[in-house]
N, C-alpha and C. Protein backbone atom coordinates (compact mmCIF):
# COMPACT_ATOMS: atom_id res chain seq x y z
N MET A 1 11.05 -4.20 35.41
CA MET A 1 11.50 -4.30 37.15
C MET A 1 12.27 -5.09 37.21
N ARG A 2 13.28 -5.59 38.26
CA ARG A 2 14.54 -5.99 38.13
C ARG A 2 13.09 -7.46 39.34
N SER A 3 14.38 -8.46 39.26
CA SER A 3 14.01 -9.77 40.12
C SER A 3 13.42 -9.53 41.47
N ALA A 4 14.77 -8.76 42.16
CA ALA A 4 14.57 -8.56 43.34
C ALA A 4 13.20 -7.36 43.85
N GLU A 5 12.89 -6.45 43.15
CA GLU A 5 11.74 -5.78 42.78
C GLU A 5 10.58 -6.96 42.98
N ILE A 6 10.42 -7.11 41.78
CA ILE A 6 9.41 -8.55 41.92
C ILE A 6 9.19 -9.05 43.05
N LEU A 7 9.99 -9.82 43.16
CA LEU A 7 9.84 -10.68 44.37
C LEU A 7 9.13 -10.04 45.35
N ARG A 8 9.62 -8.60 46.36
CA ARG A 8 9.19 -7.66 46.84
C ARG A 8 7.85 -7.72 47.17
N LEU A 9 7.21 -7.54 45.38
CA LEU A 9 5.51 -7.75 45.59
C LEU A 9 4.96 -8.65 45.95
N LEU A 10 5.73 -10.11 46.01
CA LEU A 10 4.63 -11.18 45.45
C LEU A 10 4.20 -11.46 47.12
N PRO A 11 3.26 -12.57 47.25
CA PRO A 11 3.01 -12.47 48.92
C PRO A 11 3.96 -13.10 49.56
N GLY A 12 3.73 -13.03 50.93
CA GLY A 12 4.86 -13.70 52.08
C GLY A 12 5.17 -15.00 51.82
N VAL A 13 4.29 -16.23 51.35
CA VAL A 13 4.21 -16.91 51.40
C VAL A 13 5.44 -17.63 50.10
N PHE A 14 5.13 -16.51 48.79
CA PHE A 14 6.13 -16.89 47.94
C PHE A 14 7.14 -16.10 47.90
N GLN A 15 7.54 -15.26 48.84
CA GLN A 15 9.25 -14.96 49.18
C GLN A 15 9.35 -15.65 49.95
N ARG A 16 9.16 -16.76 50.73
CA ARG A 16 9.51 -17.54 51.68
C ARG A 16 10.08 -18.46 50.71
N THR A 17 9.51 -18.96 50.00
CA THR A 17 9.83 -19.78 48.81
C THR A 17 10.82 -20.07 48.02
N ALA A 18 11.28 -18.38 47.89
CA ALA A 18 12.21 -17.71 46.35
C ALA A 18 13.58 -18.07 46.94
N ARG A 19 14.26 -19.62 46.72
CA ARG A 19 15.49 -20.07 47.11
C ARG A 19 16.29 -20.53 46.27
N GLU A 20 17.39 -19.79 46.10
CA GLU A 20 18.63 -20.54 44.93
C GLU A 20 17.94 -21.69 44.42
N GLY A 21 17.74 -21.51 43.47
CA GLY A 21 17.55 -23.08 41.96
C GLY A 21 16.36 -23.00 42.13
N SER A 22 15.69 -22.83 42.92
CA SER A 22 14.15 -22.91 42.94
C SER A 22 13.25 -22.15 41.66
N PRO A 23 12.21 -23.03 40.68
CA PRO A 23 11.59 -22.50 40.21
C PRO A 23 11.14 -21.24 39.98
N LEU A 24 10.69 -20.60 40.97
CA LEU A 24 10.13 -19.23 41.21
C LEU A 24 11.53 -18.43 40.68
N LEU A 25 12.90 -18.27 41.72
CA LEU A 25 13.81 -17.83 41.07
C LEU A 25 13.62 -17.34 39.53
N ALA A 26 13.75 -18.67 38.82
CA ALA A 26 14.06 -19.47 37.24
C ALA A 26 12.63 -17.79 36.45
N LEU A 27 11.80 -18.37 37.19
CA LEU A 27 10.85 -17.35 36.92
C LEU A 27 10.98 -16.12 36.67
N LEU A 28 11.10 -15.54 37.91
CA LEU A 28 11.73 -14.15 38.12
C LEU A 28 12.48 -13.25 37.46
N GLY A 29 13.70 -14.56 37.61
CA GLY A 29 15.00 -14.16 36.26
C GLY A 29 14.24 -13.61 34.72
N VAL A 30 13.53 -14.68 34.26
CA VAL A 30 13.00 -14.71 32.70
C VAL A 30 12.05 -13.66 32.85
N MET A 31 11.68 -13.03 33.85
CA MET A 31 10.32 -11.99 33.61
C MET A 31 11.78 -10.62 33.54
N ASP A 32 13.09 -10.66 34.53
CA ASP A 32 13.53 -9.63 34.48
C ASP A 32 14.53 -9.50 32.85
N VAL A 33 14.26 -10.58 32.19
CA VAL A 33 14.75 -10.46 31.04
C VAL A 33 14.33 -9.99 30.00
N LEU A 34 13.18 -10.37 30.10
CA LEU A 34 11.63 -10.01 29.27
C LEU A 34 11.59 -8.42 29.41
N HIS A 35 11.45 -7.71 30.65
CA HIS A 35 11.73 -6.09 31.27
C HIS A 35 12.09 -5.53 30.59
N ALA A 36 13.64 -5.96 30.33
CA ALA A 36 14.57 -4.69 30.07
C ALA A 36 14.57 -4.27 29.02
N PRO A 37 14.19 -4.38 27.54
CA PRO A 37 13.94 -3.87 26.58
C PRO A 37 12.86 -2.35 27.34
N SER A 38 11.80 -2.49 28.03
CA SER A 38 11.06 -1.48 28.33
C SER A 38 11.27 -0.77 29.00
N GLU A 39 12.27 -1.69 30.08
CA GLU A 39 13.00 -0.30 30.91
C GLU A 39 13.73 0.31 30.48
N ALA A 40 14.92 -0.11 29.55
CA ALA A 40 15.30 0.67 29.15
C ALA A 40 14.88 1.17 27.77
N THR A 41 13.89 1.45 27.34
CA THR A 41 12.73 2.57 26.95
C THR A 41 12.41 3.44 27.75
N LEU A 42 11.86 3.39 28.11
CA LEU A 42 11.10 3.67 29.25
C LEU A 42 12.62 4.97 30.48
N GLU A 43 13.49 4.26 30.69
CA GLU A 43 14.59 5.64 30.77
C GLU A 43 15.31 6.42 30.33
N GLU A 44 14.90 6.27 28.95
CA GLU A 44 15.50 7.09 27.61
C GLU A 44 14.00 7.71 27.04
N LEU A 45 13.21 7.88 27.67
CA LEU A 45 12.04 8.05 27.34
C LEU A 45 11.87 9.60 26.71
N ASP A 46 12.29 10.40 27.42
CA ASP A 46 12.82 12.07 27.08
C ASP A 46 13.34 12.26 25.96
N ALA A 47 14.14 11.16 25.06
CA ALA A 47 14.71 11.39 24.12
C ALA A 47 13.78 11.28 23.16
N LEU A 48 13.10 10.88 22.67
CA LEU A 48 11.81 10.54 22.15
C LEU A 48 11.29 11.52 21.93
N PHE A 49 10.84 12.62 22.67
CA PHE A 49 10.20 13.70 22.22
C PHE A 49 10.97 15.47 22.29
N ASP A 50 12.40 15.08 22.49
CA ASP A 50 12.90 16.05 21.55
C ASP A 50 13.84 15.83 20.47
N PRO A 51 13.33 16.27 19.15
CA PRO A 51 13.50 16.49 18.17
C PRO A 51 15.12 16.02 17.92
N ARG A 52 16.07 16.90 18.67
CA ARG A 52 18.02 16.51 18.15
C ARG A 52 17.83 15.30 18.68
N ARG A 53 17.21 14.61 19.81
CA ARG A 53 18.26 13.49 19.97
C ARG A 53 16.75 12.11 19.49
N ALA A 54 15.91 12.81 18.81
CA ALA A 54 15.12 11.60 18.46
C ALA A 54 15.56 10.76 17.75
N PRO A 55 15.58 9.30 17.48
CA PRO A 55 16.10 8.08 16.41
C PRO A 55 15.44 9.06 15.42
N ASP A 56 16.13 8.87 14.16
CA ASP A 56 15.67 9.41 12.92
C ASP A 56 14.48 9.22 12.27
N ARG A 57 13.58 8.08 12.48
CA ARG A 57 12.79 7.82 11.50
C ARG A 57 11.20 7.84 12.44
N PHE A 58 11.44 8.84 14.16
CA PHE A 58 10.99 9.32 14.57
C PHE A 58 10.38 10.99 14.25
N VAL A 59 11.28 11.31 13.82
CA VAL A 59 11.62 13.07 13.56
C VAL A 59 10.08 13.44 12.90
N PRO A 60 9.94 12.52 11.81
CA PRO A 60 8.65 12.90 10.87
C PRO A 60 7.63 13.28 11.49
N PHE A 61 7.29 12.19 12.32
CA PHE A 61 6.48 11.96 13.26
C PHE A 61 6.54 13.72 14.59
N LEU A 62 7.80 13.88 15.09
CA LEU A 62 6.62 14.54 15.95
C LEU A 62 7.14 15.89 14.88
N ALA A 63 7.55 16.63 13.92
CA ALA A 63 7.08 17.52 13.00
C ALA A 63 5.81 17.34 13.19
N ARG A 64 4.75 16.21 12.23
CA ARG A 64 3.42 15.92 12.48
C ARG A 64 2.71 16.79 13.78
N TRP A 65 3.47 16.56 14.81
CA TRP A 65 2.53 17.41 16.56
C TRP A 65 2.85 18.37 15.99
N VAL A 66 3.84 19.35 15.53
CA VAL A 66 3.54 20.62 15.70
C VAL A 66 3.48 21.39 14.63
N ASP A 67 2.81 20.62 13.23
CA ASP A 67 2.03 20.92 12.37
C ASP A 67 3.23 21.58 11.51
N LEU A 68 4.26 20.63 10.95
CA LEU A 68 5.06 21.15 9.78
C LEU A 68 5.49 20.12 8.93
N GLU A 69 4.24 19.83 8.54
CA GLU A 69 4.12 18.63 7.23
C GLU A 69 4.25 19.04 5.92
N LEU A 70 6.07 19.35 5.84
CA LEU A 70 5.94 19.61 4.57
C LEU A 70 7.35 18.71 4.08
N PRO A 71 8.24 18.73 3.34
CA PRO A 71 8.91 17.83 2.21
C PRO A 71 9.85 19.12 2.76
N VAL A 72 10.84 18.90 4.11
CA VAL A 72 11.72 19.33 3.96
C VAL A 72 12.94 18.59 3.20
N THR A 73 13.82 19.75 1.96
CA THR A 73 14.37 18.69 1.20
C THR A 73 16.21 19.22 1.70
N THR A 74 15.92 20.33 2.42
CA THR A 74 17.52 20.23 3.37
C THR A 74 18.14 19.18 4.22
N GLY A 75 17.70 18.34 4.46
CA GLY A 75 18.00 17.02 5.27
C GLY A 75 17.28 17.15 6.31
N LEU A 76 17.78 16.41 7.29
CA LEU A 76 16.74 15.52 8.42
C LEU A 76 17.58 16.83 9.64
N GLY A 77 18.47 17.31 9.66
CA GLY A 77 19.33 18.07 10.58
C GLY A 77 17.89 19.45 10.42
N ARG A 78 18.12 19.65 9.50
CA ARG A 78 17.52 21.01 9.29
C ARG A 78 15.29 20.79 10.20
N LEU A 79 15.01 19.43 9.07
CA LEU A 79 14.17 19.08 9.73
C LEU A 79 14.12 18.96 11.27
N ARG A 80 14.91 18.86 12.19
CA ARG A 80 15.07 18.65 13.52
C ARG A 80 15.06 19.92 14.07
N GLU A 81 15.81 21.00 13.62
CA GLU A 81 16.10 22.15 14.00
C GLU A 81 14.17 23.42 13.86
N LEU A 82 13.41 22.64 12.85
CA LEU A 82 12.09 23.45 12.92
C LEU A 82 11.22 22.65 13.36
N VAL A 83 11.23 21.71 14.14
CA VAL A 83 10.45 20.92 15.43
C VAL A 83 11.03 21.52 16.45
N ALA A 84 12.14 21.60 17.03
CA ALA A 84 12.57 22.54 18.11
C ALA A 84 12.17 24.06 17.79
N ALA A 85 11.99 24.36 16.76
CA ALA A 85 11.18 26.00 16.72
C ALA A 85 9.95 26.14 16.95
N GLY A 86 9.58 24.50 16.76
CA GLY A 86 8.03 24.86 16.61
C GLY A 86 7.15 25.90 17.25
N VAL A 87 7.34 26.39 18.17
CA VAL A 87 6.78 27.06 19.49
C VAL A 87 6.99 28.67 18.67
N GLU A 88 8.03 28.82 18.24
CA GLU A 88 8.47 30.18 18.44
C GLU A 88 7.82 30.57 16.83
N LEU A 89 7.90 28.96 15.61
CA LEU A 89 7.15 29.77 14.33
C LEU A 89 5.81 30.08 14.89
N SER A 90 5.10 28.68 15.72
CA SER A 90 4.16 29.17 15.21
C SER A 90 3.57 30.95 15.93
N ARG A 91 4.35 30.98 17.01
CA ARG A 91 4.14 32.14 17.85
C ARG A 91 4.05 33.76 16.61
N TRP A 92 4.75 33.60 15.29
CA TRP A 92 5.65 34.59 14.62
C TRP A 92 4.18 34.59 13.41
N ARG A 93 3.72 33.13 13.03
CA ARG A 93 3.21 32.53 12.11
C ARG A 93 2.25 34.21 11.55
N GLY A 94 2.26 33.88 10.03
CA GLY A 94 1.57 34.98 9.28
C GLY A 94 2.08 36.66 9.52
N THR A 95 3.40 36.19 10.32
CA THR A 95 4.44 38.00 9.84
C THR A 95 5.64 38.06 8.96
N ALA A 96 5.80 38.80 8.60
CA ALA A 96 7.15 38.63 7.89
C ALA A 96 8.47 38.08 9.05
N ARG A 97 8.33 38.76 10.08
CA ARG A 97 9.07 37.96 10.90
C ARG A 97 9.35 36.07 11.12
N GLY A 98 7.94 35.89 11.18
CA GLY A 98 7.91 34.33 10.88
C GLY A 98 7.89 33.99 9.82
N LEU A 99 8.20 34.49 8.75
CA LEU A 99 8.04 33.99 7.45
C LEU A 99 9.85 33.64 7.53
N LEU A 100 10.66 35.26 7.50
CA LEU A 100 12.06 34.44 7.46
C LEU A 100 12.56 33.94 8.64
N LEU A 101 11.94 32.93 9.74
CA LEU A 101 12.37 32.80 10.64
C LEU A 101 12.35 31.18 9.93
N PHE A 102 11.18 31.06 9.84
CA PHE A 102 10.97 29.27 9.20
C PHE A 102 11.77 29.19 7.57
N LEU A 103 12.17 30.19 7.21
CA LEU A 103 13.05 29.66 5.91
C LEU A 103 14.34 29.80 6.28
N SER A 104 14.99 30.51 7.18
CA SER A 104 16.38 30.46 8.15
C SER A 104 16.50 29.59 8.61
N THR A 105 15.30 28.67 9.43
CA THR A 105 15.44 27.66 10.19
C THR A 105 15.33 26.15 9.30
N ALA A 106 14.69 26.24 7.96
CA ALA A 106 14.55 25.28 6.97
C ALA A 106 15.82 25.10 6.17
N THR A 107 16.48 26.27 6.15
CA THR A 107 17.47 26.21 5.04
C THR A 107 18.98 26.19 5.66
N GLY A 108 18.68 27.08 7.38
CA GLY A 108 20.26 27.26 7.38
C GLY A 108 21.10 28.25 7.03
N ARG A 109 20.30 29.40 6.12
CA ARG A 109 20.73 31.02 6.28
C ARG A 109 20.09 31.61 6.49
N LYS A 110 20.87 32.61 6.58
CA LYS A 110 20.06 33.88 6.97
C LYS A 110 20.12 34.96 6.20
N ASP A 111 20.31 35.17 4.92
CA ASP A 111 20.53 35.74 4.10
C ASP A 111 18.90 36.25 2.85
N PHE A 112 17.97 35.68 3.31
CA PHE A 112 16.80 35.98 3.04
C PHE A 112 16.25 37.55 3.21
N GLU A 113 15.42 37.91 2.26
CA GLU A 113 15.24 39.26 1.66
C GLU A 113 13.65 39.07 1.74
N LEU A 114 13.04 40.00 2.61
CA LEU A 114 11.87 39.84 2.40
C LEU A 114 11.40 41.51 2.09
N ASP A 115 10.58 41.90 0.99
CA ASP A 115 10.41 43.09 0.20
C ASP A 115 8.84 43.53 0.32
N GLU A 116 7.91 44.39 0.97
CA GLU A 116 6.89 44.38 1.53
C GLU A 116 6.21 45.52 0.55
N ARG A 117 7.32 46.21 0.02
CA ARG A 117 6.49 46.94 -1.24
C ARG A 117 6.66 46.97 -2.64
N VAL A 118 6.32 46.02 -3.24
CA VAL A 118 6.85 45.69 -4.22
C VAL A 118 6.64 46.40 -5.39
N PRO A 119 7.08 47.66 -6.16
CA PRO A 119 6.60 48.45 -7.08
C PRO A 119 5.30 46.97 -8.36
N GLY A 120 4.43 47.99 -8.37
CA GLY A 120 3.78 47.43 -9.77
C GLY A 120 3.78 48.24 -10.80
N PRO A 121 2.68 47.80 -11.45
CA PRO A 121 2.96 49.23 -12.80
C PRO A 121 2.85 51.08 -12.38
N GLY A 122 3.46 51.77 -12.89
CA GLY A 122 3.76 53.20 -12.68
C GLY A 122 4.37 53.18 -11.44
N GLY A 123 5.63 52.43 -10.86
CA GLY A 123 5.83 52.83 -9.44
C GLY A 123 5.44 52.51 -8.46
N ARG A 124 4.15 52.37 -8.21
CA ARG A 124 3.60 52.44 -7.02
C ARG A 124 3.18 51.10 -6.81
N PRO A 125 3.25 50.72 -4.47
CA PRO A 125 3.48 49.11 -4.50
C PRO A 125 2.18 48.81 -4.12
N ARG A 126 2.54 47.94 -4.89
CA ARG A 126 1.36 46.62 -5.18
C ARG A 126 0.65 46.07 -3.91
N PRO A 127 -0.55 46.72 -3.22
CA PRO A 127 -1.34 46.02 -2.37
C PRO A 127 -1.33 43.93 -2.34
N PHE A 128 -0.95 44.28 -0.97
CA PHE A 128 -0.99 42.84 -0.60
C PHE A 128 0.27 41.90 -1.78
N HIS A 129 1.29 42.20 -1.42
CA HIS A 129 2.17 41.12 -2.49
C HIS A 129 3.50 41.68 -2.00
N ILE A 130 3.97 40.73 -1.74
CA ILE A 130 5.76 40.51 -1.15
C ILE A 130 6.47 39.94 -2.15
N ARG A 131 7.93 39.95 -1.89
CA ARG A 131 9.05 39.59 -2.73
C ARG A 131 9.91 38.94 -1.95
N VAL A 132 9.98 37.42 -1.83
CA VAL A 132 11.00 36.95 -0.92
C VAL A 132 12.57 36.86 -1.86
N ARG A 133 13.28 37.26 -1.66
CA ARG A 133 14.77 36.36 -2.42
C ARG A 133 15.75 35.62 -1.16
N ALA A 134 15.95 34.91 -1.95
CA ALA A 134 16.96 34.27 -1.74
C ALA A 134 18.13 34.00 -2.79
N SER A 135 18.91 32.95 -1.94
CA SER A 135 20.44 32.97 -2.36
C SER A 135 20.04 31.92 -3.79
N ALA A 136 21.14 32.03 -4.40
CA ALA A 136 20.70 31.33 -6.11
C ALA A 136 21.15 29.92 -5.75
N GLU A 137 22.02 29.61 -4.32
CA GLU A 137 22.40 27.87 -4.45
C GLU A 137 21.52 27.35 -3.76
N LEU A 138 20.09 27.85 -3.39
CA LEU A 138 19.02 27.51 -2.83
C LEU A 138 17.82 27.02 -3.81
N ALA A 139 17.90 27.29 -5.22
CA ALA A 139 17.31 27.02 -6.02
C ALA A 139 16.72 25.73 -6.34
N PRO A 140 17.54 24.85 -5.70
CA PRO A 140 16.89 23.61 -5.90
C PRO A 140 16.01 22.97 -4.80
N HIS A 141 15.48 23.73 -4.08
CA HIS A 141 14.95 23.78 -2.53
C HIS A 141 13.71 24.65 -3.47
N ARG A 142 13.72 24.80 -4.07
CA ARG A 142 11.95 26.18 -4.73
C ARG A 142 10.94 25.74 -4.16
N PRO A 143 10.93 24.14 -4.54
CA PRO A 143 9.33 23.85 -3.99
C PRO A 143 9.00 23.72 -2.53
N MET A 144 10.19 23.21 -1.64
CA MET A 144 9.78 23.46 -0.21
C MET A 144 9.55 25.36 0.42
N LEU A 145 10.69 26.25 -0.29
CA LEU A 145 10.45 27.66 -0.08
C LEU A 145 8.90 27.84 0.00
N GLU A 146 9.02 27.48 -1.40
CA GLU A 146 7.43 28.37 -2.13
C GLU A 146 6.45 27.56 -1.23
N ARG A 147 6.21 26.28 -1.06
CA ARG A 147 5.41 25.71 0.28
C ARG A 147 5.38 26.21 1.41
N ILE A 148 6.84 27.17 2.36
CA ILE A 148 6.95 27.66 3.08
C ILE A 148 6.26 29.18 3.10
N ILE A 149 6.51 29.42 2.29
CA ILE A 149 5.79 30.91 1.80
C ILE A 149 4.52 30.64 2.41
N GLU A 150 3.65 29.67 1.33
CA GLU A 150 1.83 29.75 1.18
C GLU A 150 1.63 29.21 2.12
N LEU A 151 2.61 28.49 3.07
CA LEU A 151 1.93 27.61 4.81
C LEU A 151 2.05 29.59 5.69
N GLU A 152 2.94 30.25 5.38
CA GLU A 152 3.43 31.76 6.01
C GLU A 152 2.87 32.33 6.14
N LYS A 153 2.28 33.00 4.59
CA LYS A 153 1.81 33.95 4.53
C LYS A 153 0.44 34.10 4.82
N PRO A 154 0.18 35.49 5.07
CA PRO A 154 -1.61 35.61 4.97
C PRO A 154 -2.30 35.44 3.84
N ALA A 155 -3.07 34.58 3.81
CA ALA A 155 -4.09 33.76 2.78
C ALA A 155 -4.31 35.46 2.13
N TYR A 156 -4.21 36.04 1.72
CA TYR A 156 -4.41 37.42 0.83
C TYR A 156 -3.48 37.49 0.57
N VAL A 157 -2.68 37.45 0.49
CA VAL A 157 -1.13 37.92 0.20
C VAL A 157 -0.90 37.36 -0.57
N THR A 158 -0.40 37.90 -2.02
CA THR A 158 0.83 36.74 -3.52
C THR A 158 1.81 37.59 -2.80
N TYR A 159 2.71 36.72 -3.83
CA TYR A 159 3.72 36.48 -4.04
C TYR A 159 4.81 36.18 -4.72
N GLU A 160 5.95 36.81 -4.98
CA GLU A 160 7.44 36.28 -5.85
C GLU A 160 7.93 35.67 -5.18
N LEU A 161 8.69 34.89 -5.82
CA LEU A 161 10.50 34.22 -5.28
C LEU A 161 11.77 34.20 -5.87
N GLN A 162 12.18 35.41 -5.58
CA GLN A 162 13.93 35.02 -6.67
C GLN A 162 14.81 34.45 -6.26
N PHE A 163 15.32 34.07 -6.85
CA PHE A 163 16.68 33.69 -6.35
C PHE A 163 17.77 34.73 -6.67
N MET A 164 18.40 35.14 -5.89
CA MET A 164 19.63 35.97 -5.89
C MET A 164 21.48 35.92 -6.48
N GLN A 165 22.00 36.18 -7.32
CA GLN A 165 23.58 35.80 -7.75
C GLN A 165 24.08 36.57 -6.53
N PRO A 166 24.94 35.50 -6.24
CA PRO A 166 26.17 36.41 -5.53
C PRO A 166 26.71 37.60 -6.50
N PRO A 167 27.24 38.79 -5.45
CA PRO A 167 28.23 39.69 -5.80
C PRO A 167 29.44 38.98 -6.67
N GLN A 168 29.68 39.38 -8.29
CA GLN A 168 30.97 38.80 -8.77
C GLN A 168 31.72 40.02 -8.05
N PRO A 169 33.25 38.97 -8.00
CA PRO A 169 34.38 39.71 -7.36
C PRO A 169 34.87 40.59 -8.66
N GLY A 170 35.40 42.06 -7.89
CA GLY A 170 35.60 42.90 -8.22
C GLY A 170 34.44 43.86 -9.22
N ALA A 171 33.08 43.09 -9.60
CA ALA A 171 32.60 43.89 -10.50
C ALA A 171 31.97 45.30 -9.45
N SER A 172 31.55 46.41 -10.61
CA SER A 172 31.18 47.31 -9.91
C SER A 172 29.60 48.10 -9.92
């Protein structure tokens, strides 16, 4: 609060004694200075809860709010995007769409492939097994990708993660 606003809240006898150079005005000036940091924080409060505008140190806290406690090795920007997509990710949890959305958001890549009909011995599809294919460039992020798959797939489903090499130019 500003000095003038605080003064209006005081009883009339105090308001009448608030003259230039009075101890009361000096005290109100100190209160004004002491309130300034809190006032500035309150004016920008909405930024704290927006993952794209929140301070870097606050983003992991927001991630815990939307149940995203996992090591995001692709950078703080990707974590911000995951938090922003938290509602959508939660809506599709346990589905192929949700898994691909989570992987894409966490890495910024759209080239994941999900095979739900993985052939087993004899060529028949293995029940309750999926194969996730990712670009070989994402191999350093394998622990994060595996953690995402484990969290997002149904509990009874097994999986394998494969890294694909990009096609070689001129290869047929």
